[in-house]
Amino acid sequence: MPPPPPPATLGSATSAATPTATPPPPPLPLTAATSSASPAGQASLENSRFGPISPIPISPGAFAPGAVDALPHDSKRVLAGVLAILLGFVGVHKFVLGYREAGAVMLLVTFIGGLCTSGLSILAAWVVGVIEGIVYLSKSDSEFVREYQVGRREWF
């Protein structure tokens, strides 16, 4: 049996044929955006090398399609639904959801329209409020948040 070949040395022809592991790339240098801190010592909310830093903790499944219920929103479904049924003709539920223009429209329809139509528009505004209250209460929390709080759908 022939003796084994001698170990390869740097610069010999056999060293090019043997596979060697490449060293890992050097770490990325820290920039002002990634290492900045406020005077209080808290991390800055500026862009980092991976994008903006979110001040809201988001669960790992929050970016999955249809995972709106993983987002940190408080559902106002029950409050808006009950107010829509009881005081919907005045548009209180619109103001609760943050729809100032839609709430103002309902107020104008109720009061100014009520004077011009002898109260008929108050009845119409009340019917709209009751329908919206039923629609709000018939949705799940995640559907309500997706459509009315994130999607900003103002009517029905």
Protein backbone atom coordinates (compact mmCIF):
# COMPACT_ATOMS: atom_id res chain seq x y z
CA MET A 1 0.00 0.00 0.00
CA PRO A 2 1.48 3.37 -0.96
CA PRO A 3 2.05 5.96 1.76
CA PRO A 4 -0.47 8.79 2.07
CA PRO A 5 0.41 12.05 0.29
CA PRO A 6 2.00 14.79 2.38
CA PRO A 7 -0.27 17.56 3.67
CA ALA A 8 -0.74 20.45 1.25
CA THR A 9 1.08 23.65 1.90
CA LEU A 10 0.15 27.16 0.90
CA GLY A 11 1.11 27.87 -2.66
CA SER A 12 1.24 24.23 -3.75
CA ALA A 13 -0.91 22.96 -6.61
CA THR A 14 -2.89 20.63 -4.40
CA SER A 15 -4.08 23.38 -2.08
CA ALA A 16 -6.18 24.95 -4.87
CA ALA A 17 -8.00 21.67 -5.43
CA THR A 18 -9.03 21.19 -1.81
CA PRO A 19 -12.18 23.03 -0.79
CA THR A 20 -11.81 25.52 2.04
CA ALA A 21 -14.47 27.31 4.02
CA THR A 22 -14.81 31.01 3.26
CA PRO A 23 -14.83 33.31 6.26
CA PRO A 24 -18.14 35.01 7.08
CA PRO A 25 -18.57 38.56 5.80
CA PRO A 26 -17.71 41.33 8.25
CA PRO A 27 -20.63 42.80 10.20
CA LEU A 28 -22.28 45.88 8.78
CA PRO A 29 -21.00 49.09 10.31
CA LEU A 30 -23.30 50.91 12.68
CA THR A 31 -24.61 54.15 11.26
CA ALA A 32 -26.09 57.16 12.97
CA ALA A 33 -29.62 55.91 12.23
CA THR A 34 -29.05 52.52 13.85
CA SER A 35 -27.12 53.66 16.88
CA SER A 36 -28.80 56.96 17.68
CA ALA A 37 -30.33 57.44 21.07
CA SER A 38 -32.34 60.22 22.57
CA PRO A 39 -30.94 62.31 25.43
CA ALA A 40 -32.94 60.17 27.84
CA GLY A 41 -31.07 57.09 26.62
CA GLN A 42 -34.02 55.56 24.74
CA ALA A 43 -33.67 54.24 21.23
CA SER A 44 -34.67 56.60 18.47
CA LEU A 45 -37.69 55.84 16.27
CA GLU A 46 -35.81 56.85 13.13
CA ASN A 47 -35.24 54.44 10.28
CA SER A 48 -32.83 51.63 10.93
CA ARG A 49 -31.13 49.59 8.24
CA PHE A 50 -34.18 47.29 8.24
CA GLY A 51 -36.82 50.06 8.01
CA PRO A 52 -38.66 52.21 10.53
CA ILE A 53 -38.71 51.05 14.12
CA SER A 54 -42.26 50.48 15.32
CA PRO A 55 -43.13 51.81 18.79
CA ILE A 56 -46.00 49.30 18.95
CA PRO A 57 -45.09 45.69 19.74
CA ILE A 58 -46.51 43.44 17.02
CA SER A 59 -46.97 39.72 17.43
CA PRO A 60 -45.08 37.39 15.05
CA GLY A 61 -48.22 36.40 13.13
CA ALA A 62 -49.32 39.98 12.53
CA PHE A 63 -48.00 40.04 8.97
CA ALA A 64 -49.80 36.90 7.87
CA PRO A 65 -52.62 37.52 5.36
CA GLY A 66 -55.88 38.17 7.18
CA ALA A 67 -54.27 38.49 10.61
CA VAL A 68 -55.88 41.80 11.51
CA ASP A 69 -56.94 40.53 14.92
CA ALA A 70 -53.24 40.24 15.80
CA LEU A 71 -52.83 44.01 15.52
CA PRO A 72 -53.07 45.97 18.76
CA HIS A 73 -56.42 47.76 18.27
CA ASP A 74 -59.19 48.19 20.77
CA SER A 75 -62.49 47.22 19.20
CA LYS A 76 -65.24 49.78 19.73
CA ARG A 77 -67.84 47.48 18.18
CA VAL A 78 -70.20 47.10 21.14
CA LEU A 79 -70.03 50.75 22.19
CA ALA A 80 -70.60 51.99 18.63
CA GLY A 81 -73.37 49.46 18.02
CA VAL A 82 -75.34 50.30 21.16
CA LEU A 83 -74.92 54.04 20.63
CA ALA A 84 -76.02 53.67 17.01
CA ILE A 85 -79.23 51.92 18.07
CA LEU A 86 -80.03 54.32 20.93
CA LEU A 87 -78.69 57.67 19.65
CA GLY A 88 -77.93 56.89 16.02
CA PHE A 89 -80.17 59.64 14.70
CA VAL A 90 -77.78 62.19 16.24
CA GLY A 91 -74.64 60.44 14.91
CA VAL A 92 -72.95 59.84 18.26
CA HIS A 93 -71.61 56.48 17.07
CA LYS A 94 -69.84 58.24 14.18
CA PHE A 95 -68.01 60.53 16.58
CA VAL A 96 -67.01 57.54 18.75
CA LEU A 97 -65.40 55.92 15.70
CA GLY A 98 -63.64 59.14 14.75
CA TYR A 99 -65.77 60.03 11.71
CA ARG A 100 -66.34 63.72 12.39
CA GLU A 101 -67.67 64.56 8.94
CA ALA A 102 -70.17 61.70 8.91
CA GLY A 103 -71.29 62.61 12.44
CA ALA A 104 -71.75 66.23 11.39
CA VAL A 105 -73.84 65.11 8.39
CA MET A 106 -76.11 63.09 10.65
CA LEU A 107 -76.45 66.02 13.06
CA LEU A 108 -77.38 68.37 10.20
CA VAL A 109 -79.86 65.89 8.73
CA THR A 110 -81.45 65.43 12.14
CA PHE A 111 -81.79 69.05 13.22
CA ILE A 112 -81.91 71.17 10.07
CA GLY A 113 -83.60 68.50 8.00
CA GLY A 114 -86.02 67.84 10.84
CA LEU A 115 -87.13 71.47 10.82
CA CYS A 116 -87.60 71.50 7.05
CA THR A 117 -89.41 68.15 6.74
CA SER A 118 -91.50 68.26 9.93
CA GLY A 119 -89.45 65.49 11.53
CA LEU A 120 -89.38 63.08 8.58
CA SER A 121 -85.58 63.31 8.25
CA ILE A 122 -85.23 62.52 11.97
CA LEU A 123 -87.04 59.26 11.31
CA ALA A 124 -84.76 58.54 8.34
CA ALA A 125 -81.64 59.28 10.42
CA TRP A 126 -82.95 57.04 13.20
CA VAL A 127 -83.50 54.16 10.72
CA VAL A 128 -79.94 54.61 9.40
CA GLY A 129 -78.62 54.56 12.97
CA VAL A 130 -80.52 51.38 13.87
CA ILE A 131 -79.34 49.62 10.70
CA GLU A 132 -75.74 50.63 11.36
CA GLY A 133 -76.00 49.47 14.98
CA ILE A 134 -77.28 46.07 13.89
CA VAL A 135 -74.53 45.79 11.28
CA TYR A 136 -71.86 46.74 13.83
CA LEU A 137 -73.10 44.23 16.40
CA SER A 138 -73.43 41.40 13.86
CA LYS A 139 -69.73 41.56 12.90
CA SER A 140 -66.91 39.90 14.82
CA ASP A 141 -64.32 42.06 16.53
CA SER A 142 -61.67 41.35 13.89
CA GLU A 143 -64.08 42.15 11.02
CA PHE A 144 -65.18 45.35 12.73
CA VAL A 145 -61.60 46.51 13.33
CA ARG A 146 -60.60 45.66 9.75
CA GLU A 147 -63.54 47.45 8.14
CA TYR A 148 -64.34 50.39 10.40
CA GLN A 149 -61.21 51.19 12.41
CA VAL A 150 -58.38 50.25 10.05
CA GLY A 151 -60.24 50.49 6.74
CA ARG A 152 -62.10 53.66 7.81
CA ARG A 153 -65.43 52.67 6.25
CA GLU A 154 -67.86 55.41 7.29
CA TRP A 155 -71.31 54.20 6.21
CA PHE A 156 -72.94 50.79 6.84
